[in-house]
Every structure is written in C-alpha cells, then in structure tokens.
Amino acid sequence: MWMPSKLVRNLSSLALIAALTRAASAETFEEISASARKLPDASVLVFPFADACKLEGDLARRACQGIRAARQSALVGKRWVTTASGGVGFGKFDLKGTLPVTARGCILCVATKPQGDAWFIVSKGTLAGEASALAGPDLGFVNQKVADEASAAKYATEMAPQLATELVFALTADKPVAKGGASALTAEVLAWRIVDRCTGDVLASEPDSAASAAPSGKPEECGGQVGRPKDVPKDDGLPVVLSRWEVQRGMAAVRGLVQDCHKKYQIPGNANAVVEINSDGSVKSVSLKGDFVGTPTGTCLIKVVQQAKFPPFKKGPMRVDYPFILR
C-alpha cells in the first residue's frame, strides 16, 4: 500500500554522519551523478577482485593475474551511480515520537558469491554487521514523525520494500577487507540520497537534490501502483527548518569575506554571529558576541554575514549561532 512520506527535518533531527568528498560545495546530487556511469548491478565490480586465478600452469596463472590487475585498475577511482536495495535501515522509536530512517553505508548490501565466497561493497571506514550483511559507517539519517511504537513498526514494515539509497561512489585502491568469512571492497561515497522508489520522493540527500528520483517501473514493488495518486498533492519538498549542513554551506560561502575583515584590521580573536534567517533564505538580522562587539572588525563581520544566502524552508525566521576564529 502506498504511503506519503512527510518527513520533518530540523537541526536536531537530520544528522549527517559522514562528510562527503565533493568537487565543490555548490554541486547538487544530480550534478555529481551526471559524471558517473550508471551501474544497474554493483556486483559486476566484484568479479575482477574475487578471481583467485586458480589455474593449472604458471604461465596461465601469470596471465590471469595480469589481466585481473588491469581490470581492477580500470575500475578503481571511476565514478559510479547505483541504487542499493537494502541500503535503508530503521532505528528505534523514541519518546519524542520519531523513527530514524538511516542511509546505511553499503553499496552492495546483499552478498554476491562469484566463487563461493561472500563479497560486499561498503563505504570506507570500520565495518559493521555480520558476514551475511556487512556495511560501512552509516551515511546519515532523517527522523520520521510517528504517533507511537506500533505506528513506527508499521511504517518500517510497509516502507522497507519501497525505500532505497541512490549512491555516487568510487572504489578505493585499498585491499579488500575481511570480516567473519566475508570480504568487502571499500568505496568513497561522493553523494547519496534516500528515495521512495514508488513515488520518486527524496527523503534525505547529501548534497541537496535538485529534483525527485525516477519512480520505479515495477508495480509489484509498490502495491500495484507506481507514481503519486492524483488525489494526493506533492509536498513542496521544503524542510521545516534548515539542517546543520545547510547552515554551514551558506556560511561557508562568505568565509572568504570574513577573512578579508581580519586582513583589513589585523585584529585576531573569536566571534559568534547570531543570525536570524528568513524562510526565503535571506538574512533578517545579524548580531555579534565575543571579541569584536562594537569594533570596526565587528561592523565588517556583520555586513559580510548579512550577504549570506540559504535554501528556503517552511518555518521562519530561525536563529543560529555561528562561530568565527580570526587569525
């Protein structure tokens, strides 16, 4: 049965666990994935690494090893984009009425066994799980608002087949790691998002997604229905308030101007900018706490921070404290 996904994101509910490698902070998920090769089945990347080259004769083994090394080299460092079934997990319902929906750190979440041994592809870091389901560090999560524990269990059960992670990644040159009788290739995750495969809704994304995902073409995955029912309006996709990383991105854009204030007056010190942000992403007001209150440097900082731009959100204005260290 289809369920609308109305997720509430705020500074405390959206936690970004892993810092992603991006060419530029302004890039969207779509811009990063545009340079990646689409990979319908990530298991094909495993075969050149899993081949043990167990052939009779030294010459044959050497030839196999050379071909294997060349194939591995051709795969490492290339950008790939894939959808990881089983890449979404659910945390524990808490007393605040939220259920964490987590992007797991796995790219190939279900083991492939090219020569009888289990192989996975996971995000780089400490491996978690058992040999039947290895994963790297979680990528991030968003909290789903639910009424009670029974509603949380129902949501997790009904949404588990529909939710998936889309990932842009590159295999590392690290040797495969082993745990509990299984092996795993490691990858740098360049971008990820949790999507509802039936509606195309994006629940969470790092970096931001500029558009919805393409809905699944398999009605059997979605209770016989693909896409959004006509009588259900599409949510505007705006968060209730800005997440921590959205605030950081907006402030990062004026960081160079902040340093220009220091270069101009040559006064070191610490400051906290208290910033009120309107729901359209513009800055409503700025005040300072710390070493530069009432100083020319402080006046410069206030003018600079007033130029910051943020994504729009629903519940404004919101106030944030942002620290600066001028050295």
Protein backbone atom coordinates (compact mmCIF):
# COMPACT_ATOMS: atom_id res chain seq x y z
CA MET A 1 0.00 0.00 0.00
CA TRP A 2 1.37 3.43 -0.93
CA MET A 3 2.08 5.83 1.91
CA PRO A 4 3.01 9.53 1.57
CA SER A 5 6.37 10.30 3.13
CA LYS A 6 6.02 13.53 5.13
CA LEU A 7 9.35 13.91 6.84
CA VAL A 8 10.25 16.65 9.28
CA ARG A 9 13.86 17.77 9.14
CA ASN A 10 15.40 20.20 11.61
CA LEU A 11 18.73 20.93 13.20
CA SER A 12 18.41 18.10 15.68
CA SER A 13 16.60 15.56 13.51
CA LEU A 14 18.88 15.48 10.49
CA ALA A 15 22.30 14.09 11.40
CA LEU A 16 24.96 13.82 8.78
CA ILE A 17 27.26 11.05 9.93
CA ALA A 18 29.89 11.11 7.20
CA ALA A 19 31.48 14.10 5.48
CA LEU A 20 31.30 13.53 1.74
CA THR A 21 34.03 14.23 -0.78
CA ARG A 22 32.70 16.78 -3.28
CA ALA A 23 34.37 18.74 -6.05
CA ALA A 24 32.53 21.89 -4.98
CA SER A 25 30.13 22.67 -2.16
CA ALA A 26 27.61 24.16 -4.60
CA GLU A 27 27.16 20.89 -6.50
CA THR A 28 23.85 19.07 -6.29
CA PHE A 29 23.32 15.31 -6.24
CA GLU A 30 22.36 15.48 -9.90
CA GLU A 31 25.49 17.41 -10.89
CA ILE A 32 27.75 14.90 -9.16
CA SER A 33 25.92 11.89 -10.59
CA ALA A 34 25.97 13.34 -14.11
CA SER A 35 29.66 12.44 -14.43
CA ALA A 36 29.12 8.91 -13.08
CA ARG A 37 28.46 5.75 -15.04
CA LYS A 38 25.12 4.13 -14.24
CA LEU A 39 25.55 0.72 -12.66
CA PRO A 40 22.32 -1.36 -12.53
CA ASP A 41 24.10 -4.16 -10.63
CA ALA A 42 27.06 -3.25 -8.40
CA SER A 43 28.06 -6.91 -8.10
CA VAL A 44 29.79 -6.72 -11.50
CA LEU A 45 32.56 -4.67 -9.87
CA VAL A 46 33.45 -7.55 -7.56
CA PHE A 47 34.46 -10.19 -10.10
CA PRO A 48 37.95 -8.86 -11.01
CA PHE A 49 38.79 -8.73 -7.29
CA ALA A 50 37.31 -12.10 -6.35
CA ASP A 51 39.00 -14.07 -9.14
CA ALA A 52 41.64 -16.23 -7.41
CA CYS A 53 43.31 -17.18 -10.74
CA LYS A 54 43.46 -20.83 -9.67
CA LEU A 55 44.65 -22.22 -12.98
CA GLU A 56 47.00 -25.03 -13.82
CA GLY A 57 50.39 -23.95 -15.02
CA ASP A 58 52.49 -20.98 -14.00
CA LEU A 59 52.11 -19.21 -17.35
CA ALA A 60 48.33 -19.39 -17.25
CA ARG A 61 48.25 -18.10 -13.66
CA ARG A 62 50.55 -15.20 -14.50
CA ALA A 63 48.43 -14.25 -17.49
CA CYS A 64 45.28 -14.39 -15.37
CA GLN A 65 46.89 -12.24 -12.67
CA GLY A 66 47.98 -9.65 -15.21
CA ILE A 67 44.51 -9.44 -16.72
CA ARG A 68 42.98 -9.29 -13.24
CA ALA A 69 45.26 -6.41 -12.19
CA ALA A 70 44.43 -4.47 -15.36
CA ARG A 71 40.70 -4.93 -14.85
CA GLN A 72 40.95 -3.84 -11.22
CA SER A 73 42.92 -0.74 -12.16
CA ALA A 74 40.30 0.19 -14.75
CA LEU A 75 37.58 0.16 -12.07
CA VAL A 76 39.32 1.95 -9.18
CA GLY A 77 38.70 5.71 -8.95
CA LYS A 78 35.96 5.79 -11.58
CA ARG A 79 32.63 7.35 -10.61
CA TRP A 80 29.65 5.02 -10.49
CA VAL A 81 25.99 5.61 -9.58
CA THR A 82 23.72 2.82 -8.38
CA THR A 83 20.64 2.11 -6.28
CA ALA A 84 21.35 -0.07 -3.25
CA SER A 85 18.41 -2.26 -2.31
CA GLY A 86 18.56 -2.87 1.42
CA GLY A 87 20.57 0.31 1.85
CA VAL A 88 17.99 1.86 4.18
CA GLY A 89 17.67 0.87 7.83
CA PHE A 90 15.34 1.88 10.63
CA GLY A 91 16.39 2.86 14.14
CA LYS A 92 14.46 2.64 17.38
CA PHE A 93 11.31 4.62 18.06
CA ASP A 94 11.97 7.18 20.79
CA LEU A 95 9.81 9.04 23.28
CA LYS A 96 9.89 12.17 21.11
CA GLY A 97 7.74 10.36 18.53
CA THR A 98 10.41 9.84 15.90
CA LEU A 99 11.74 6.89 13.96
CA PRO A 100 15.22 7.29 12.42
CA VAL A 101 15.39 6.31 8.74
CA THR A 102 19.06 5.62 8.03
CA ALA A 103 21.15 5.52 4.87
CA ARG A 104 23.38 2.52 5.53
CA GLY A 105 26.99 2.52 4.47
CA CYS A 106 26.64 -0.28 1.95
CA ILE A 107 26.68 -0.12 -1.85
CA LEU A 108 26.37 -3.85 -2.46
CA CYS A 109 24.26 -4.73 0.59
CA VAL A 110 23.37 -8.30 -0.34
CA ALA A 111 26.38 -10.56 -0.79
CA THR A 112 27.41 -11.76 -4.21
CA LYS A 113 29.30 -15.08 -4.34
CA PRO A 114 31.29 -15.21 -7.59
CA GLN A 115 33.46 -18.14 -6.47
CA GLY A 116 31.52 -19.31 -3.45
CA ASP A 117 32.79 -16.63 -1.06
CA ALA A 118 30.62 -13.72 0.09
CA TRP A 119 31.59 -10.27 -1.20
CA PHE A 120 30.18 -6.81 -0.43
CA ILE A 121 30.94 -3.20 -1.37
CA VAL A 122 30.85 -0.79 1.56
CA SER A 123 31.65 2.83 2.32
CA LYS A 124 35.15 3.32 3.64
CA GLY A 125 35.55 3.00 7.42
CA THR A 126 35.01 0.48 10.19
CA LEU A 127 32.95 -2.48 9.01
CA ALA A 128 29.73 -3.27 10.85
CA GLY A 129 27.42 -6.27 10.76
CA GLU A 130 27.95 -9.97 10.25
CA ALA A 131 29.11 -11.93 7.24
CA SER A 132 25.53 -12.11 5.97
CA ALA A 133 25.13 -8.31 5.81
CA LEU A 134 28.29 -6.22 6.02
CA ALA A 135 28.13 -2.42 5.89
CA GLY A 136 30.42 0.51 6.46
CA PRO A 137 29.64 3.57 8.62
CA ASP A 138 26.12 4.95 8.28
CA LEU A 139 25.93 7.88 5.87
CA GLY A 140 23.17 9.85 7.59
CA PHE A 141 19.57 9.71 8.73
CA VAL A 142 16.32 11.64 8.81
CA ASN A 143 13.66 11.28 11.52
CA GLN A 144 10.16 10.21 10.51
CA LYS A 145 7.43 11.55 12.80
CA VAL A 146 5.17 8.74 14.02
CA ALA A 147 2.46 8.60 16.66
CA ASP A 148 3.62 5.65 18.72
CA GLU A 149 5.70 2.48 18.71
CA ALA A 150 3.06 0.50 16.83
CA SER A 151 2.96 3.17 14.10
CA ALA A 152 6.75 3.08 13.90
CA ALA A 153 6.73 -0.69 13.40
CA LYS A 154 4.03 -0.42 10.75
CA TYR A 155 5.89 2.33 8.91
CA ALA A 156 9.14 0.38 8.90
CA THR A 157 7.41 -2.77 7.66
CA GLU A 158 5.45 -1.07 4.88
CA MET A 159 8.17 1.30 3.73
CA ALA A 160 11.14 -1.09 3.85
CA PRO A 161 10.45 -2.50 0.33
CA GLN A 162 9.92 0.99 -1.10
CA LEU A 163 12.90 2.90 0.26
CA ALA A 164 16.38 2.65 -1.22
CA THR A 165 19.61 4.63 -1.32
CA GLU A 166 21.00 6.06 -4.52
CA LEU A 167 24.77 6.49 -4.30
CA VAL A 168 27.55 8.03 -6.33
CA PHE A 169 30.82 6.38 -5.37
CA ALA A 170 34.33 5.47 -6.43
CA LEU A 171 36.17 2.28 -5.46
CA THR A 172 39.32 2.89 -3.42
CA ALA A 173 42.68 1.34 -4.16
CA ASP A 174 42.66 -0.27 -0.70
CA LYS A 175 42.96 -4.03 -0.48
CA PRO A 176 39.68 -5.87 0.17
CA VAL A 177 38.94 -6.22 3.87
CA ALA A 178 37.66 -9.38 5.51
CA LYS A 179 35.32 -9.98 8.42
CA GLY A 180 33.53 -13.09 9.59
CA GLY A 181 34.31 -15.11 6.49
CA ALA A 182 33.21 -12.38 4.07
CA SER A 183 35.21 -9.89 2.01
CA ALA A 184 34.39 -6.31 1.12
CA LEU A 185 35.62 -3.74 -1.36
CA THR A 186 35.73 -0.22 0.04
CA ALA A 187 34.48 2.92 -1.68
CA GLU A 188 34.42 6.66 -1.19
CA VAL A 189 30.79 7.83 -1.25
CA LEU A 190 30.61 11.10 -3.18
CA ALA A 191 26.85 11.68 -2.88
CA TRP A 192 23.81 9.82 -1.57
CA ARG A 193 20.09 10.18 -1.11
CA ILE A 194 17.24 8.14 0.36
CA VAL A 195 14.41 7.80 -2.15
CA ASP A 196 10.94 6.33 -2.24
CA ARG A 197 11.13 4.12 -5.31
CA CYS A 198 7.37 4.18 -5.80
CA THR A 199 6.80 7.96 -5.76
CA GLY A 200 10.25 9.34 -6.53
CA ASP A 201 10.20 11.39 -3.31
CA VAL A 202 13.62 12.24 -1.88
CA LEU A 203 13.59 11.82 1.89
CA ALA A 204 17.15 12.99 2.55
CA SER A 205 20.07 13.92 0.35
CA GLU A 206 23.72 14.89 0.65
CA PRO A 207 24.34 17.16 -1.14
CA ASP A 208 20.94 18.63 -1.98
CA SER A 209 18.85 17.08 -4.75
CA ALA A 210 17.50 19.45 -7.37
CA ALA A 211 14.75 17.06 -8.47
CA SER A 212 12.83 13.94 -7.48
CA ALA A 213 14.04 10.47 -8.40
CA ALA A 214 12.50 8.49 -11.25
CA PRO A 215 9.69 6.27 -9.84
CA SER A 216 10.03 2.53 -10.16
CA GLY A 217 8.52 0.89 -13.22
CA LYS A 218 7.63 -2.22 -11.19
CA PRO A 219 4.10 -2.02 -9.76
CA GLU A 220 4.70 -5.24 -7.80
CA GLU A 221 7.13 -3.31 -5.60
CA CYS A 222 4.55 -0.65 -4.81
CA GLY A 223 1.29 -2.40 -4.01
CA GLY A 224 0.29 -2.43 -7.67
CA GLN A 225 0.72 1.30 -8.09
CA VAL A 226 3.59 3.39 -9.45
CA GLY A 227 3.82 7.13 -9.01
CA ARG A 228 1.80 9.50 -6.85
CA PRO A 229 -2.00 9.12 -6.71
CA LYS A 230 -3.74 12.06 -8.43
CA ASP A 231 -5.67 12.98 -5.29
CA VAL A 232 -2.52 13.26 -3.17
CA PRO A 233 -0.75 16.60 -3.61
CA LYS A 234 3.01 16.59 -3.92
CA ASP A 235 4.78 18.09 -0.93
CA ASP A 236 6.83 21.17 -1.84
CA GLY A 237 9.89 19.36 -0.51
CA LEU A 238 10.98 22.23 1.74
CA PRO A 239 12.37 21.35 5.16
CA VAL A 240 10.62 22.78 8.21
CA VAL A 241 13.89 24.48 9.20
CA LEU A 242 17.42 24.37 7.86
CA SER A 243 19.67 21.47 8.74
CA ARG A 244 23.10 21.98 10.23
CA TRP A 245 24.90 21.27 6.96
CA GLU A 246 22.64 23.72 5.06
CA VAL A 247 23.57 26.44 7.55
CA GLN A 248 27.25 25.54 7.26
CA ARG A 249 27.09 25.65 3.46
CA GLY A 250 25.51 29.13 3.49
CA MET A 251 28.09 30.46 5.94
CA ALA A 252 30.97 28.82 4.06
CA ALA A 253 30.12 30.98 1.04
CA VAL A 254 31.06 34.16 2.96
CA ARG A 255 34.07 32.72 4.78
CA GLY A 256 36.49 34.39 2.40
CA LEU A 257 34.88 37.79 3.07
CA VAL A 258 35.14 37.15 6.81
CA GLN A 259 38.87 36.62 6.44
CA ASP A 260 39.07 39.86 4.45
CA CYS A 261 37.75 41.65 7.56
CA HIS A 262 40.66 40.21 9.51
CA LYS A 263 43.16 41.16 6.82
CA LYS A 264 41.84 44.71 6.80
CA TYR A 265 42.10 45.37 10.54
CA GLN A 266 44.67 42.75 11.59
CA ILE A 267 42.96 42.03 14.93
CA PRO A 268 42.85 38.35 15.98
CA GLY A 269 40.05 36.98 18.11
CA ASN A 270 36.86 34.92 18.32
CA ALA A 271 33.31 35.88 17.46
CA ASN A 272 29.88 34.29 17.41
CA ALA A 273 27.48 35.58 14.79
CA VAL A 274 23.84 35.36 15.92
CA VAL A 275 21.99 35.13 12.61
CA GLU A 276 18.23 35.32 12.03
CA ILE A 277 17.31 33.69 8.72
CA ASN A 278 14.03 34.34 6.89
CA SER A 279 12.06 31.45 5.41
CA ASP A 280 13.10 32.56 1.89
CA GLY A 281 16.76 32.01 2.85
CA SER A 282 17.71 35.68 3.23
CA VAL A 283 19.32 37.05 6.40
CA LYS A 284 16.94 39.07 8.56
CA SER A 285 19.44 40.31 11.15
CA VAL A 286 22.94 39.72 12.48
CA SER A 287 24.42 40.48 15.90
CA LEU A 288 27.76 39.56 17.44
CA LYS A 289 29.03 38.04 20.65
CA GLY A 290 32.69 37.75 21.56
CA ASP A 291 35.82 39.81 20.96
CA PHE A 292 34.63 42.12 18.18
CA VAL A 293 31.47 43.69 19.59
CA GLY A 294 31.49 47.43 18.86
CA THR A 295 34.71 47.29 16.84
CA PRO A 296 35.44 48.06 13.16
CA THR A 297 36.15 44.37 12.65
CA GLY A 298 32.75 43.54 14.17
CA THR A 299 30.98 46.03 11.90
CA CYS A 300 32.73 44.45 8.93
CA LEU A 301 31.69 40.94 10.04
CA ILE A 302 28.04 41.95 10.40
CA LYS A 303 27.95 43.43 6.88
CA VAL A 304 29.56 40.30 5.46
CA VAL A 305 27.25 37.81 7.20
CA GLN A 306 24.21 39.80 6.04
CA GLN A 307 25.19 38.79 2.49
CA ALA A 308 24.85 35.05 3.23
CA LYS A 309 22.19 33.09 1.33
CA PHE A 310 20.48 29.90 2.47
CA PRO A 311 17.95 27.45 0.96
CA PRO A 312 14.27 28.29 1.57
CA PHE A 313 12.42 26.49 4.35
CA LYS A 314 8.95 26.48 5.86
CA LYS A 315 9.16 27.73 9.43
CA GLY A 316 10.99 31.03 9.55
CA PRO A 317 12.62 33.05 10.81
CA MET A 318 15.07 30.78 12.59
CA ARG A 319 18.08 31.81 14.69
CA VAL A 320 21.50 30.18 14.57
CA ASP A 321 24.81 30.87 16.30
CA TYR A 322 27.86 30.54 14.08
CA PRO A 323 31.45 30.85 15.39
CA PHE A 324 34.34 32.57 13.65
CA ILE A 325 38.01 32.42 14.57
CA LEU A 326 40.09 35.21 13.06
CA ARG A 327 43.83 34.51 12.99
